[in-house]
Every structure is written in C-alpha cells, then in structure tokens.
Amino acid sequence: MDKTILVTLAGHDDQYRLEPDAFDRLARYLDGAAERLQDDPDRADVLGDLERSIGDKLVRTDPGDRPITIAAIDGILDAIGAVDTGRADEAAAGAAATQPRRRRLVRVRDGQQMAGVCNGLAAYSEIRVDWVRTIFILATVATAGVFLIVYVAMAFILPVGETPAEAQAGRSRGPIR
C-alpha cells in the first residue's frame, strides 16, 4: 500500500499528490520560512508568494497519475532558494562568509614612534610593526632617501586611527586637519 498526501497551495485550485517524504520536506521548508519571517510585517504576503511559486513549479513538473517525489520537491526548493529575511544578524553572517574584510590604510597613533605610518601599514597588511619599520629603513637606504619622502607624504595624507583594530575595521577619524 502506497501513502500519498494531498496538498493545496495558495493561489492554486488544484491539489497536488505528494509522497510522504516530499510532503515532509515541503512542510519543513515552509515552516522554516515562516519562522525566519516571524518579525517581518509582510510575512503573510511572502509566504503566499512562496506557495504560489512552488505551485507554479509543481504544475510544470506534472508526473501524471504518480505522486510527486522528494527529488522533484528538492529541485523546486533549490530553484526557489532560501528565504532571505534581510535581518542584519543573518545578513552579516552571510556577508562575513562571502565577502573579504574591508580595510583602510590609516596612521595609527597607538604605539607610534614618529607619525604612526608604520603602525598603520602593519595593521593594514597584518605584518608585525617591527618588520614594517625594518623594511622602511632598508628601502630608504636602498633608494637614497626616496622612501623617507614617501613616509613624510603618507604622514600628511593618511587619516588618523587611534588603534590597530580601527585600521583593520576601516574606521578612522577622517583627514588630518
């Protein structure tokens, strides 16, 4: 004996025959979407649109007199994708996983010896500050003082950040006045 479940979706008059596994997968998807949209003022509209979209895709995958399988439901739900709530906490988690960290080159006052340029370069490049200072000194000697001019120019051009963490997060106090 085969068990099938009849389902009616918003915006469709037809009933769809689903295998129990396919029904469970669809129910979990819609319940998860309803839970994610719990605080959304347009929750009912979004859920109705989801059901209509699923129904539209089910009409196109008509298996005849056989019930709709879990493979067909998986393909439809993959095509629709996850429900995006637009909330900052979920968006931030997704963005952190997919986007590189935004950094900004600044002068860092915390631990500066002259103008904080080497501290800022160290925070930006994530290299220890003593290595950056050594490279700057060697480059200045090797170029007969050209890098000293570059250092002075950077001291006037770069905005000021108080700590290395601010430099890595992209925050600064603005241009030097």
N, C-alpha and C. Protein backbone atom coordinates (compact mmCIF):
# COMPACT_ATOMS: atom_id res chain seq x y z
N MET A 1 0.84 -1.17 0.00
CA MET A 1 0.00 0.00 0.00
C MET A 1 0.89 1.24 0.00
N ASP A 2 0.63 2.17 -0.91
CA ASP A 2 1.37 3.42 -1.00
C ASP A 2 0.55 4.54 -0.38
N LYS A 3 1.24 5.38 0.36
CA LYS A 3 0.58 6.51 1.02
C LYS A 3 0.90 7.77 0.24
N THR A 4 -0.11 8.58 -0.07
CA THR A 4 0.09 9.87 -0.71
C THR A 4 -0.65 10.92 0.11
N ILE A 5 -0.18 12.14 0.02
CA ILE A 5 -0.77 13.26 0.77
C ILE A 5 -1.20 14.30 -0.24
N LEU A 6 -2.44 14.77 -0.11
CA LEU A 6 -2.96 15.82 -0.98
C LEU A 6 -2.67 17.18 -0.35
N VAL A 7 -2.11 18.08 -1.17
CA VAL A 7 -1.72 19.41 -0.69
C VAL A 7 -2.34 20.46 -1.58
N THR A 8 -2.85 21.51 -0.97
CA THR A 8 -3.34 22.67 -1.70
C THR A 8 -2.44 23.84 -1.34
N LEU A 9 -1.98 24.56 -2.34
CA LEU A 9 -1.09 25.71 -2.12
C LEU A 9 -1.81 26.99 -2.49
N ALA A 10 -1.41 28.08 -1.87
CA ALA A 10 -2.02 29.39 -2.11
C ALA A 10 -1.94 29.75 -3.58
N GLY A 11 -3.04 30.28 -4.12
CA GLY A 11 -3.07 30.74 -5.49
C GLY A 11 -3.36 29.64 -6.50
N HIS A 12 -3.57 28.41 -6.05
CA HIS A 12 -3.83 27.29 -6.95
C HIS A 12 -5.05 26.53 -6.46
N ASP A 13 -5.95 26.24 -7.38
CA ASP A 13 -7.16 25.49 -7.04
C ASP A 13 -6.90 23.99 -7.03
N ASP A 14 -5.87 23.56 -7.75
CA ASP A 14 -5.57 22.13 -7.85
C ASP A 14 -4.96 21.61 -6.56
N GLN A 15 -5.16 20.32 -6.34
CA GLN A 15 -4.49 19.65 -5.24
C GLN A 15 -3.33 18.85 -5.83
N TYR A 16 -2.24 18.80 -5.10
CA TYR A 16 -1.05 18.09 -5.55
C TYR A 16 -0.86 16.86 -4.69
N ARG A 17 -0.60 15.74 -5.34
CA ARG A 17 -0.35 14.50 -4.63
C ARG A 17 1.14 14.36 -4.38
N LEU A 18 1.51 14.26 -3.11
CA LEU A 18 2.92 14.19 -2.73
C LEU A 18 3.19 12.89 -1.98
N GLU A 19 4.37 12.35 -2.19
CA GLU A 19 4.85 11.25 -1.37
C GLU A 19 5.07 11.79 0.04
N PRO A 20 5.01 10.96 1.07
CA PRO A 20 5.19 11.45 2.45
C PRO A 20 6.52 12.18 2.66
N ASP A 21 7.61 11.66 2.09
CA ASP A 21 8.92 12.33 2.23
C ASP A 21 8.91 13.70 1.56
N ALA A 22 8.28 13.78 0.41
CA ALA A 22 8.20 15.06 -0.31
C ALA A 22 7.37 16.05 0.49
N PHE A 23 6.27 15.58 1.08
CA PHE A 23 5.44 16.46 1.91
C PHE A 23 6.22 16.96 3.12
N ASP A 24 6.95 16.04 3.78
CA ASP A 24 7.74 16.45 4.95
C ASP A 24 8.77 17.52 4.58
N ARG A 25 9.44 17.35 3.45
CA ARG A 25 10.45 18.31 3.02
C ARG A 25 9.79 19.67 2.73
N LEU A 26 8.66 19.66 2.04
CA LEU A 26 7.96 20.91 1.73
C LEU A 26 7.46 21.58 3.00
N ALA A 27 6.92 20.81 3.93
CA ALA A 27 6.43 21.37 5.19
C ALA A 27 7.58 21.98 5.99
N ARG A 28 8.74 21.30 6.04
CA ARG A 28 9.89 21.84 6.77
C ARG A 28 10.36 23.15 6.14
N TYR A 29 10.37 23.21 4.81
CA TYR A 29 10.79 24.42 4.11
C TYR A 29 9.85 25.58 4.45
N LEU A 30 8.55 25.34 4.33
CA LEU A 30 7.58 26.41 4.60
C LEU A 30 7.56 26.80 6.07
N ASP A 31 7.70 25.83 6.98
CA ASP A 31 7.76 26.15 8.41
C ASP A 31 9.01 26.95 8.74
N GLY A 32 10.14 26.58 8.13
CA GLY A 32 11.38 27.33 8.34
C GLY A 32 11.26 28.75 7.81
N ALA A 33 10.62 28.90 6.66
CA ALA A 33 10.42 30.24 6.10
C ALA A 33 9.52 31.06 7.01
N ALA A 34 8.46 30.44 7.54
CA ALA A 34 7.56 31.16 8.45
C ALA A 34 8.29 31.57 9.72
N GLU A 35 9.17 30.71 10.20
CA GLU A 35 9.93 31.04 11.42
C GLU A 35 10.91 32.18 11.16
N ARG A 36 11.61 32.16 10.02
CA ARG A 36 12.56 33.22 9.70
C ARG A 36 11.87 34.56 9.48
N LEU A 37 10.63 34.51 9.01
CA LEU A 37 9.89 35.74 8.72
C LEU A 37 9.00 36.16 9.88
N GLN A 38 9.24 35.62 11.04
CA GLN A 38 8.39 35.84 12.20
C GLN A 38 8.18 37.32 12.51
N ASP A 39 9.20 38.13 12.40
CA ASP A 39 9.11 39.56 12.74
C ASP A 39 8.85 40.44 11.52
N ASP A 40 8.72 39.85 10.36
CA ASP A 40 8.53 40.62 9.13
C ASP A 40 7.07 41.05 8.99
N PRO A 41 6.83 42.34 8.77
CA PRO A 41 5.44 42.80 8.63
C PRO A 41 4.76 42.27 7.37
N ASP A 42 5.51 41.84 6.38
CA ASP A 42 4.96 41.30 5.14
C ASP A 42 4.98 39.77 5.13
N ARG A 43 5.00 39.17 6.29
CA ARG A 43 5.15 37.72 6.42
C ARG A 43 4.09 36.96 5.61
N ALA A 44 2.83 37.31 5.76
CA ALA A 44 1.75 36.59 5.08
C ALA A 44 1.90 36.69 3.56
N ASP A 45 2.24 37.87 3.07
CA ASP A 45 2.42 38.06 1.63
C ASP A 45 3.58 37.23 1.09
N VAL A 46 4.69 37.23 1.82
CA VAL A 46 5.87 36.49 1.37
C VAL A 46 5.58 34.99 1.37
N LEU A 47 4.94 34.50 2.42
CA LEU A 47 4.61 33.07 2.47
C LEU A 47 3.63 32.69 1.36
N GLY A 48 2.65 33.57 1.09
CA GLY A 48 1.73 33.32 -0.02
C GLY A 48 2.45 33.28 -1.35
N ASP A 49 3.40 34.20 -1.55
CA ASP A 49 4.18 34.22 -2.79
C ASP A 49 5.02 32.94 -2.92
N LEU A 50 5.59 32.48 -1.80
CA LEU A 50 6.36 31.24 -1.84
C LEU A 50 5.48 30.07 -2.26
N GLU A 51 4.30 29.97 -1.66
CA GLU A 51 3.39 28.88 -2.02
C GLU A 51 2.97 28.96 -3.48
N ARG A 52 2.69 30.16 -3.97
CA ARG A 52 2.32 30.32 -5.38
C ARG A 52 3.46 29.89 -6.30
N SER A 53 4.66 30.29 -5.95
CA SER A 53 5.82 29.93 -6.75
C SER A 53 6.04 28.42 -6.77
N ILE A 54 5.91 27.80 -5.61
CA ILE A 54 6.06 26.34 -5.55
C ILE A 54 4.96 25.67 -6.37
N GLY A 55 3.73 26.18 -6.23
CA GLY A 55 2.62 25.62 -7.02
C GLY A 55 2.85 25.77 -8.51
N ASP A 56 3.35 26.93 -8.95
CA ASP A 56 3.63 27.13 -10.38
C ASP A 56 4.65 26.12 -10.89
N LYS A 57 5.66 25.84 -10.08
CA LYS A 57 6.68 24.90 -10.49
C LYS A 57 6.16 23.46 -10.45
N LEU A 58 5.26 23.17 -9.51
CA LEU A 58 4.68 21.83 -9.45
C LEU A 58 3.80 21.55 -10.66
N VAL A 59 3.11 22.58 -11.16
CA VAL A 59 2.27 22.41 -12.36
C VAL A 59 3.15 22.00 -13.54
N ARG A 60 4.35 22.59 -13.64
CA ARG A 60 5.25 22.29 -14.76
C ARG A 60 5.88 20.91 -14.65
N THR A 61 5.96 20.37 -13.42
CA THR A 61 6.58 19.05 -13.25
C THR A 61 5.51 17.98 -13.02
N ASP A 62 4.42 18.08 -13.73
CA ASP A 62 3.30 17.15 -13.57
C ASP A 62 3.75 15.72 -13.86
N PRO A 63 3.75 14.85 -12.84
CA PRO A 63 4.18 13.46 -13.06
C PRO A 63 3.07 12.55 -13.57
N GLY A 64 1.96 13.10 -13.98
CA GLY A 64 0.84 12.29 -14.45
C GLY A 64 0.03 11.80 -13.27
N ASP A 65 -0.21 10.48 -13.21
CA ASP A 65 -1.02 9.94 -12.12
C ASP A 65 -0.17 9.47 -10.95
N ARG A 66 1.13 9.67 -11.00
CA ARG A 66 2.02 9.29 -9.90
C ARG A 66 2.16 10.47 -8.94
N PRO A 67 2.41 10.20 -7.66
CA PRO A 67 2.63 11.30 -6.71
C PRO A 67 3.98 11.97 -6.96
N ILE A 68 4.09 13.21 -6.52
CA ILE A 68 5.33 13.99 -6.70
C ILE A 68 6.36 13.48 -5.71
N THR A 69 7.57 13.24 -6.20
CA THR A 69 8.63 12.64 -5.40
C THR A 69 9.42 13.70 -4.65
N ILE A 70 10.22 13.22 -3.70
CA ILE A 70 11.09 14.12 -2.93
C ILE A 70 12.15 14.74 -3.84
N ALA A 71 12.59 14.03 -4.87
CA ALA A 71 13.58 14.58 -5.80
C ALA A 71 13.00 15.79 -6.53
N ALA A 72 11.73 15.69 -6.93
CA ALA A 72 11.09 16.82 -7.62
C ALA A 72 10.95 18.01 -6.67
N ILE A 73 10.57 17.75 -5.43
CA ILE A 73 10.43 18.84 -4.44
C ILE A 73 11.79 19.47 -4.16
N ASP A 74 12.83 18.64 -4.03
CA ASP A 74 14.18 19.18 -3.80
C ASP A 74 14.61 20.08 -4.95
N GLY A 75 14.34 19.68 -6.18
CA GLY A 75 14.69 20.50 -7.33
C GLY A 75 13.95 21.83 -7.32
N ILE A 76 12.68 21.80 -6.96
CA ILE A 76 11.88 23.03 -6.90
C ILE A 76 12.39 23.95 -5.80
N LEU A 77 12.64 23.39 -4.60
CA LEU A 77 13.10 24.22 -3.48
C LEU A 77 14.50 24.77 -3.73
N ASP A 78 15.34 24.00 -4.43
CA ASP A 78 16.66 24.51 -4.80
C ASP A 78 16.54 25.67 -5.78
N ALA A 79 15.60 25.55 -6.71
CA ALA A 79 15.40 26.63 -7.69
C ALA A 79 14.88 27.90 -7.01
N ILE A 80 14.03 27.74 -6.01
CA ILE A 80 13.48 28.90 -5.29
C ILE A 80 14.52 29.50 -4.37
N GLY A 81 15.29 28.66 -3.69
CA GLY A 81 16.34 29.14 -2.80
C GLY A 81 15.83 29.39 -1.40
N ALA A 82 16.76 29.78 -0.54
CA ALA A 82 16.44 30.04 0.86
C ALA A 82 15.71 31.36 1.00
N VAL A 83 14.96 31.47 2.05
CA VAL A 83 14.22 32.70 2.33
C VAL A 83 15.16 33.68 3.00
N ASP A 84 15.32 34.86 2.40
CA ASP A 84 16.17 35.91 2.95
C ASP A 84 15.30 36.87 3.73
N THR A 85 15.59 37.00 5.03
CA THR A 85 14.79 37.87 5.87
C THR A 85 15.26 39.30 5.83
N GLY A 86 16.51 39.52 5.40
CA GLY A 86 17.04 40.87 5.36
C GLY A 86 17.46 41.39 6.71
N ARG A 87 17.39 40.53 7.74
CA ARG A 87 17.81 40.96 9.08
C ARG A 87 19.31 41.09 9.11
N ALA A 88 19.78 42.03 9.90
CA ALA A 88 21.20 42.35 9.94
C ALA A 88 22.04 41.19 10.44
N ASP A 89 21.57 40.42 11.46
CA ASP A 89 22.40 39.36 12.01
C ASP A 89 22.62 38.25 11.00
N GLU A 90 21.60 37.85 10.25
CA GLU A 90 21.77 36.83 9.23
C GLU A 90 22.54 37.37 8.04
N ALA A 91 22.28 38.61 7.67
CA ALA A 91 22.99 39.21 6.54
C ALA A 91 24.47 39.36 6.87
N ALA A 92 24.78 39.74 8.09
CA ALA A 92 26.18 39.91 8.49
C ALA A 92 26.90 38.57 8.49
N ALA A 93 26.24 37.52 8.94
CA ALA A 93 26.86 36.20 8.95
C ALA A 93 27.14 35.74 7.52
N GLY A 94 26.20 35.94 6.64
CA GLY A 94 26.41 35.57 5.24
C GLY A 94 27.46 36.41 4.57
N ALA A 95 27.47 37.69 4.84
CA ALA A 95 28.44 38.58 4.25
C ALA A 95 29.84 38.29 4.74
N ALA A 96 29.97 37.98 6.00
CA ALA A 96 31.28 37.68 6.53
C ALA A 96 31.85 36.43 5.90
N ALA A 97 31.01 35.50 5.55
CA ALA A 97 31.49 34.28 4.94
C ALA A 97 31.85 34.46 3.47
N THR A 98 31.22 35.41 2.79
CA THR A 98 31.43 35.52 1.36
C THR A 98 32.25 36.72 0.92
N GLN A 99 32.29 37.76 1.70
CA GLN A 99 32.97 38.97 1.28
C GLN A 99 34.26 39.17 2.06
N PRO A 100 35.30 39.65 1.40
CA PRO A 100 36.53 39.93 2.13
C PRO A 100 36.33 41.12 3.06
N ARG A 101 37.14 41.15 4.10
CA ARG A 101 37.05 42.23 5.07
C ARG A 101 37.51 43.53 4.44
N ARG A 102 36.78 44.61 4.69
CA ARG A 102 37.13 45.93 4.14
C ARG A 102 38.13 46.58 5.09
N ARG A 103 39.30 46.91 4.55
CA ARG A 103 40.33 47.56 5.36
C ARG A 103 40.62 48.92 4.77
N ARG A 104 41.16 49.79 5.62
CA ARG A 104 41.51 51.13 5.17
C ARG A 104 42.88 51.48 5.73
N LEU A 105 43.70 52.05 4.89
CA LEU A 105 45.04 52.45 5.30
C LEU A 105 44.96 53.76 6.07
N VAL A 106 45.39 53.73 7.34
CA VAL A 106 45.39 54.92 8.20
C VAL A 106 46.70 54.97 8.97
N ARG A 107 46.96 56.13 9.57
CA ARG A 107 48.06 56.24 10.53
C ARG A 107 47.50 55.81 11.88
N VAL A 108 48.26 55.03 12.64
CA VAL A 108 47.79 54.54 13.93
C VAL A 108 48.61 55.20 15.03
N ARG A 109 47.94 55.92 15.91
CA ARG A 109 48.62 56.63 17.00
C ARG A 109 49.09 55.70 18.11
N ASP A 110 48.35 54.65 18.35
CA ASP A 110 48.69 53.73 19.44
C ASP A 110 50.02 53.04 19.14
N GLY A 111 51.05 53.35 19.90
CA GLY A 111 52.36 52.75 19.73
C GLY A 111 53.21 53.40 18.67
N GLN A 112 52.84 54.59 18.23
CA GLN A 112 53.61 55.25 17.17
C GLN A 112 54.97 55.70 17.68
N GLN A 113 55.97 55.74 16.78
CA GLN A 113 57.28 56.26 17.15
C GLN A 113 57.52 57.62 16.51
N MET A 114 57.00 57.80 15.29
CA MET A 114 57.11 59.13 14.67
C MET A 114 55.71 59.63 14.33
N ALA A 115 55.17 59.20 13.22
CA ALA A 115 53.86 59.69 12.80
C ALA A 115 52.80 58.59 12.78
N GLY A 116 53.17 57.34 13.03
CA GLY A 116 52.21 56.25 13.04
C GLY A 116 52.00 55.60 11.69
N VAL A 117 52.79 55.98 10.68
CA VAL A 117 52.62 55.42 9.34
C VAL A 117 52.95 53.93 9.34
N CYS A 118 54.05 53.55 9.97
CA CYS A 118 54.43 52.13 10.00
C CYS A 118 53.41 51.30 10.78
N ASN A 119 52.87 51.86 11.86
CA ASN A 119 51.82 51.14 12.60
C ASN A 119 50.59 50.93 11.72
N GLY A 120 50.24 51.94 10.96
CA GLY A 120 49.09 51.82 10.06
C GLY A 120 49.34 50.80 8.96
N LEU A 121 50.54 50.82 8.38
CA LEU A 121 50.88 49.84 7.35
C LEU A 121 50.89 48.42 7.93
N ALA A 122 51.38 48.28 9.17
CA ALA A 122 51.40 46.97 9.81
C ALA A 122 49.98 46.46 10.06
N ALA A 123 49.10 47.33 10.53
CA ALA A 123 47.71 46.92 10.77
C ALA A 123 47.02 46.58 9.46
N TYR A 124 47.28 47.35 8.42
CA TYR A 124 46.64 47.12 7.12
C TYR A 124 47.10 45.81 6.50
N SER A 125 48.41 45.55 6.56
CA SER A 125 48.96 44.36 5.90
C SER A 125 49.05 43.16 6.82
N GLU A 126 48.71 43.33 8.09
CA GLU A 126 48.76 42.27 9.09
C GLU A 126 50.16 41.67 9.21
N ILE A 127 51.16 42.55 9.18
CA ILE A 127 52.55 42.20 9.39
C ILE A 127 53.00 42.89 10.67
N ARG A 128 53.90 42.26 11.41
CA ARG A 128 54.39 42.89 12.64
C ARG A 128 55.03 44.23 12.34
N VAL A 129 54.81 45.20 13.23
CA VAL A 129 55.26 46.58 13.00
C VAL A 129 56.79 46.66 12.93
N ASP A 130 57.52 45.83 13.67
CA ASP A 130 58.98 45.90 13.60
C ASP A 130 59.49 45.48 12.22
N TRP A 131 58.80 44.57 11.55
CA TRP A 131 59.18 44.20 10.19
C TRP A 131 58.90 45.35 9.22
N VAL A 132 57.78 46.02 9.39
CA VAL A 132 57.45 47.14 8.51
C VAL A 132 58.48 48.26 8.69
N ARG A 133 58.84 48.55 9.93
CA ARG A 133 59.86 49.59 10.18
C ARG A 133 61.20 49.20 9.56
N THR A 134 61.58 47.94 9.70
CA THR A 134 62.85 47.48 9.12
C THR A 134 62.82 47.60 7.60
N ILE A 135 61.70 47.21 6.99
CA ILE A 135 61.58 47.31 5.53
C ILE A 135 61.65 48.77 5.10
N PHE A 136 61.01 49.68 5.85
CA PHE A 136 61.05 51.10 5.51
C PHE A 136 62.47 51.66 5.61
N ILE A 137 63.18 51.28 6.64
CA ILE A 137 64.56 51.76 6.81
C ILE A 137 65.45 51.23 5.67
N LEU A 138 65.34 49.94 5.38
CA LEU A 138 66.15 49.36 4.30
C LEU A 138 65.79 49.97 2.95
N ALA A 139 64.50 50.21 2.72
CA ALA A 139 64.08 50.82 1.46
C ALA A 139 64.58 52.26 1.36
N THR A 140 64.59 52.98 2.48
CA THR A 140 65.10 54.35 2.48
C THR A 140 66.58 54.37 2.15
N VAL A 141 67.35 53.47 2.75
CA VAL A 141 68.79 53.40 2.48
C VAL A 141 69.03 52.97 1.04
N ALA A 142 68.28 51.98 0.56
CA ALA A 142 68.49 51.46 -0.79
C ALA A 142 68.12 52.47 -1.87
N THR A 143 67.17 53.37 -1.59
CA THR A 143 66.74 54.35 -2.60
C THR A 143 67.31 55.74 -2.34
N ALA A 144 68.28 55.82 -1.50
CA ALA A 144 68.95 57.10 -1.19
C ALA A 144 67.97 58.16 -0.68
N GLY A 145 67.02 57.73 0.17
CA GLY A 145 66.14 58.69 0.82
C GLY A 145 64.78 58.88 0.20
N VAL A 146 64.49 58.23 -0.92
CA VAL A 146 63.19 58.40 -1.57
C VAL A 146 62.06 57.92 -0.65
N PHE A 147 62.27 56.80 0.06
CA PHE A 147 61.22 56.29 0.94
C PHE A 147 61.02 57.18 2.16
N LEU A 148 61.98 57.98 2.52
CA LEU A 148 61.78 58.97 3.59
C LEU A 148 60.78 60.03 3.12
N ILE A 149 60.86 60.42 1.86
CA ILE A 149 59.90 61.37 1.29
C ILE A 149 58.50 60.72 1.23
N VAL A 150 58.47 59.44 0.87
CA VAL A 150 57.19 58.72 0.83
C VAL A 150 56.59 58.67 2.23
N TYR A 151 57.41 58.41 3.25
CA TYR A 151 56.94 58.35 4.63
C TYR A 151 56.35 59.70 5.06
N VAL A 152 57.04 60.77 4.77
CA VAL A 152 56.56 62.11 5.14
C VAL A 152 55.25 62.42 4.40
N ALA A 153 55.20 62.08 3.14
CA ALA A 153 53.96 62.32 2.38
C ALA A 153 52.80 61.53 2.96
N MET A 154 53.04 60.27 3.32
CA MET A 154 51.99 59.46 3.92
C MET A 154 51.56 60.02 5.27
N ALA A 155 52.49 60.59 6.01
CA ALA A 155 52.16 61.18 7.30
C ALA A 155 51.18 62.34 7.15
N PHE A 156 51.25 63.06 6.04
CA PHE A 156 50.33 64.18 5.81
C PHE A 156 49.04 63.74 5.10
N ILE A 157 49.09 62.69 4.31
CA ILE A 157 47.95 62.28 3.51
C ILE A 157 46.99 61.35 4.26
N LEU A 158 47.53 60.38 5.00
CA LEU A 158 46.69 59.36 5.62
C LEU A 158 45.86 59.91 6.77
N PRO A 159 44.60 59.47 6.89
CA PRO A 159 43.80 59.84 8.05
C PRO A 159 44.31 59.14 9.30
N VAL A 160 43.88 59.60 10.45
CA VAL A 160 44.37 59.10 11.73
C VAL A 160 43.39 58.08 12.31
N GLY A 161 43.91 56.96 12.78
CA GLY A 161 43.16 55.98 13.54
C GLY A 161 43.83 55.84 14.89
N GLU A 162 43.06 55.59 15.93
CA GLU A 162 43.63 55.51 17.27
C GLU A 162 44.31 54.18 17.55
N THR A 163 43.70 53.06 17.08
CA THR A 163 44.23 51.73 17.39
C THR A 163 44.35 50.90 16.12
N PRO A 164 45.17 49.85 16.16
CA PRO A 164 45.26 48.96 15.01
C PRO A 164 43.92 48.30 14.66
N ALA A 165 43.09 48.04 15.66
CA ALA A 165 41.78 47.43 15.40
C ALA A 165 40.91 48.35 14.55
N GLU A 166 40.98 49.66 14.78
CA GLU A 166 40.22 50.61 13.97
C GLU A 166 40.71 50.59 12.53
N ALA A 167 42.01 50.46 12.35
CA ALA A 167 42.56 50.43 11.00
C ALA A 167 42.09 49.18 10.26
N GLN A 168 42.04 48.05 10.95
CA GLN A 168 41.60 46.81 10.31
C GLN A 168 40.11 46.82 10.05
N ALA A 169 39.33 47.53 10.88
CA ALA A 169 37.89 47.59 10.69
C ALA A 169 37.50 48.66 9.67
N GLY A 170 38.43 49.52 9.27
CA GLY A 170 38.13 50.53 8.27
C GLY A 170 37.62 51.83 8.86
N ARG A 171 37.75 52.02 10.18
CA ARG A 171 37.28 53.26 10.81
C ARG A 171 38.47 54.19 11.01
N SER A 172 38.24 55.46 10.86
CA SER A 172 39.26 56.45 11.12
C SER A 172 38.60 57.74 11.56
N ARG A 173 39.42 58.69 11.97
CA ARG A 173 38.90 59.97 12.45
C ARG A 173 38.79 60.99 11.33
N GLY A 174 39.01 60.58 10.09
CA GLY A 174 38.90 61.50 8.97
C GLY A 174 40.25 62.06 8.58
N PRO A 175 40.28 63.02 7.66
CA PRO A 175 41.55 63.57 7.20
C PRO A 175 42.20 64.41 8.27
N ILE A 176 43.49 64.54 8.15
CA ILE A 176 44.26 65.34 9.10
C ILE A 176 43.96 66.81 8.87
N ARG A 177 43.76 67.54 9.95
CA ARG A 177 43.47 68.97 9.83
C ARG A 177 44.65 69.78 10.25
